[in-house]
Protein backbone atom coordinates (compact mmCIF):
# COMPACT_ATOMS: atom_id res chain seq x y z
CA MET A 1 -66.67 46.51 -0.95
CA GLY A 2 -64.82 47.77 2.12
CA GLU A 3 -64.46 51.44 2.81
CA TYR A 4 -61.47 53.17 4.32
CA LYS A 5 -62.17 55.45 7.22
CA PRO A 6 -59.33 57.16 9.11
CA GLU A 7 -59.02 56.09 12.74
CA GLU A 8 -60.60 59.10 14.33
CA GLY A 9 -59.69 59.86 17.93
CA SER A 10 -56.17 58.47 17.85
CA PHE A 11 -54.37 61.57 16.57
CA ASN A 12 -51.35 63.03 18.34
CA VAL A 13 -50.28 65.95 16.18
CA GLY A 14 -49.77 68.82 18.62
CA ALA A 15 -49.67 72.30 17.13
CA VAL A 16 -49.79 71.98 13.36
CA ARG A 17 -50.32 74.30 10.41
CA ILE A 18 -52.45 73.03 7.54
CA ALA A 19 -52.96 74.47 4.06
CA VAL A 20 -56.28 73.66 2.44
CA ILE A 21 -56.34 74.09 -1.33
CA ALA A 22 -59.87 73.97 -2.76
CA ALA A 23 -60.95 74.29 -6.37
CA ARG A 24 -63.62 76.85 -7.26
CA TRP A 25 -64.87 74.77 -10.21
CA ASN A 26 -68.01 72.88 -9.12
CA SER A 27 -68.15 75.16 -6.07
CA GLU A 28 -71.54 73.77 -5.01
CA VAL A 29 -69.56 70.61 -4.26
CA THR A 30 -66.14 71.95 -3.25
CA ASP A 31 -67.67 74.38 -0.74
CA GLY A 32 -69.13 71.33 1.02
CA LEU A 33 -65.79 69.50 0.91
CA LEU A 34 -64.08 72.55 2.40
CA ALA A 35 -66.68 72.85 5.16
CA GLY A 36 -66.23 69.16 6.00
CA ALA A 37 -62.45 69.49 6.18
CA VAL A 38 -62.63 72.54 8.44
CA ARG A 39 -65.19 70.80 10.69
CA ALA A 40 -62.95 67.75 11.11
CA LEU A 41 -59.83 69.80 11.80
CA SER A 42 -61.65 71.95 14.34
CA ARG A 43 -63.08 68.87 16.05
CA HIS A 44 -59.50 67.65 16.56
CA GLY A 45 -58.14 70.88 17.97
CA VAL A 46 -56.70 72.55 14.88
CA SER A 47 -57.52 76.22 15.37
CA ASP A 48 -58.68 78.57 12.64
CA ASP A 49 -55.37 80.42 13.06
CA ALA A 50 -53.52 77.23 12.10
CA LEU A 51 -55.42 76.93 8.80
CA GLU A 52 -54.78 78.74 5.58
CA ILE A 53 -57.36 78.28 2.86
CA TYR A 54 -56.59 78.95 -0.79
CA ARG A 55 -59.05 78.72 -3.68
CA VAL A 56 -57.73 77.77 -7.12
CA PRO A 57 -59.63 77.83 -10.43
CA GLY A 58 -60.09 74.08 -10.86
CA ALA A 59 -58.87 70.59 -10.04
CA PHE A 60 -55.98 70.75 -12.50
CA GLU A 61 -54.40 73.55 -10.43
CA LEU A 62 -54.47 71.56 -7.18
CA PRO A 63 -51.06 69.86 -7.60
CA LEU A 64 -49.16 73.07 -8.34
CA ALA A 65 -50.81 75.00 -5.51
CA SER A 66 -50.19 72.06 -3.14
CA GLN A 67 -46.55 71.96 -4.15
CA ARG A 68 -46.18 75.70 -3.63
CA ALA A 69 -47.73 75.44 -0.17
CA ALA A 70 -45.43 72.53 0.71
CA GLN A 71 -42.34 74.36 -0.51
CA THR A 72 -42.96 77.37 1.73
CA GLY A 73 -42.01 75.25 4.73
CA ARG A 74 -44.84 76.84 6.71
CA PHE A 75 -47.21 73.86 6.66
CA ASP A 76 -47.15 70.42 8.24
CA GLY A 77 -49.72 69.08 5.79
CA VAL A 78 -51.83 70.02 2.79
CA ILE A 79 -55.40 69.08 1.93
CA ALA A 80 -56.29 69.24 -1.78
CA LEU A 81 -60.03 69.40 -2.51
CA GLY A 82 -61.75 69.36 -5.88
CA CYS A 83 -64.46 67.79 -7.98
CA VAL A 84 -64.47 66.54 -11.56
CA ILE A 85 -67.76 65.26 -12.98
CA ARG A 86 -67.72 63.05 -16.06
CA GLY A 87 -68.97 64.68 -19.25
CA ASP A 88 -69.23 63.61 -22.87
CA THR A 89 -65.56 64.09 -23.79
CA PRO A 90 -62.24 62.55 -22.67
CA HIS A 91 -61.45 65.77 -20.76
CA PHE A 92 -62.61 64.07 -17.52
CA ASP A 93 -60.03 61.30 -17.91
CA TYR A 94 -57.16 63.71 -18.60
CA VAL A 95 -57.95 66.03 -15.71
CA CYS A 96 -58.51 63.19 -13.22
CA SER A 97 -55.39 61.32 -14.25
CA GLU A 98 -53.04 64.29 -14.21
CA THR A 99 -54.46 65.75 -11.01
CA THR A 100 -54.16 62.41 -9.24
CA ARG A 101 -50.60 61.90 -10.48
CA GLY A 102 -49.63 65.44 -9.57
CA ILE A 103 -50.97 65.36 -6.04
CA GLY A 104 -49.26 62.02 -5.37
CA GLU A 105 -45.99 63.32 -6.76
CA VAL A 106 -46.10 66.41 -4.54
CA GLY A 107 -46.40 64.29 -1.41
CA LEU A 108 -43.46 62.13 -2.42
CA THR A 109 -41.14 64.90 -3.59
CA GLU A 110 -41.93 67.27 -0.72
CA ASN A 111 -42.07 64.55 1.97
CA LEU A 112 -45.25 66.04 3.37
CA PRO A 113 -48.72 64.57 3.94
CA ILE A 114 -50.89 65.74 1.03
CA ALA A 115 -54.49 64.56 1.36
CA PHE A 116 -56.27 63.59 -1.84
CA GLY A 117 -59.75 65.05 -1.61
CA LEU A 118 -60.63 64.96 -5.31
CA LEU A 119 -64.08 63.64 -6.16
CA THR A 120 -64.24 61.94 -9.56
CA THR A 121 -67.87 61.14 -10.17
CA ASP A 122 -70.30 60.40 -12.96
CA THR A 123 -73.01 62.79 -11.80
CA LEU A 124 -73.55 65.95 -9.79
CA GLU A 125 -75.82 63.97 -7.48
CA GLN A 126 -72.96 61.58 -6.60
CA SER A 127 -70.73 64.55 -5.87
CA LEU A 128 -73.32 66.22 -3.65
CA GLU A 129 -73.77 62.98 -1.68
CA ARG A 130 -70.02 62.91 -0.99
CA SER A 131 -69.76 66.58 -0.04
CA GLY A 132 -72.84 67.08 2.11
CA ASN A 133 -73.07 67.70 5.83
CA ASN A 134 -73.02 63.97 6.55
CA ALA A 135 -70.77 61.05 7.44
CA GLU A 136 -69.85 60.53 3.77
CA ASN A 137 -68.15 63.93 3.36
CA LYS A 138 -64.84 63.27 1.59
CA GLY A 139 -63.42 66.64 2.63
CA GLU A 140 -63.75 65.52 6.22
CA GLU A 141 -62.06 62.23 5.38
CA ALA A 142 -59.20 64.08 3.67
CA ALA A 143 -58.64 66.20 6.78
CA LEU A 144 -58.64 63.11 9.01
CA THR A 145 -56.16 61.45 6.65
CA VAL A 146 -53.72 64.35 7.04
CA LEU A 147 -54.03 64.18 10.83
CA GLU A 148 -53.50 60.42 10.81
CA MET A 149 -50.44 60.71 8.57
CA LEU A 150 -48.98 63.47 10.77
CA THR A 151 -49.46 61.19 13.78
CA ILE A 152 -47.71 58.34 11.95
CA PHE A 153 -44.84 60.64 10.94
CA LYS A 154 -44.40 61.67 14.60
CA GLN A 155 -44.28 58.00 15.60
CA MET A 156 -41.70 57.27 12.91
CA ASP A 157 -39.60 60.21 14.09
CA GLY A 158 -39.80 58.96 17.68
CA ASP A 159 -41.76 62.01 18.83
CA ALA A 160 -44.99 60.28 19.82
C-alpha cells in the first residue's frame, strides 16, 4: 500500500499565521502530534510568533474550534490534531465519522487549508507509533500538508 508524504522542501508560503488545534484527550499521543507539527513548521521557517496553539477537550471539538479559528480571518491555515482509539462500543465510529466530516466541511466552507491530523487507531501502541519523535509522526505530516496547500493556493492565485 502506498503512503502519501507531502513534498517537503518545495514550499513557498512566505509569512503565514497558523492555528494549531489539539485535543487534550489521549494527551500522551496528542502532545506528540503537537510537537511534530511545531517541529515541521519551525523547520520550514514558520516562527513561534506565527503560531497559535489551542487545546480542546477532545476530538469531537476539533471541527468547531477549527471553524472558529478560520472565521477570525487571522490565520492562513489550521492544523487539527487528535486521537481516537477504538473501544468496545460504537462511540469510536460516531466520534471518528463526525469529526472527519466536520473538519472536511470547515475547509470547504471557510476556503482555508485545514489539515486533518486525527489518528483513528485500534490500540494505544498504534497511536504512539504515529505520534513519536520519528518519521511516522502524523502531526508533522499534517503541518507539511498545510504548507503544501498554502503553496498550491498561492500558485492558483498567481502569487508564486
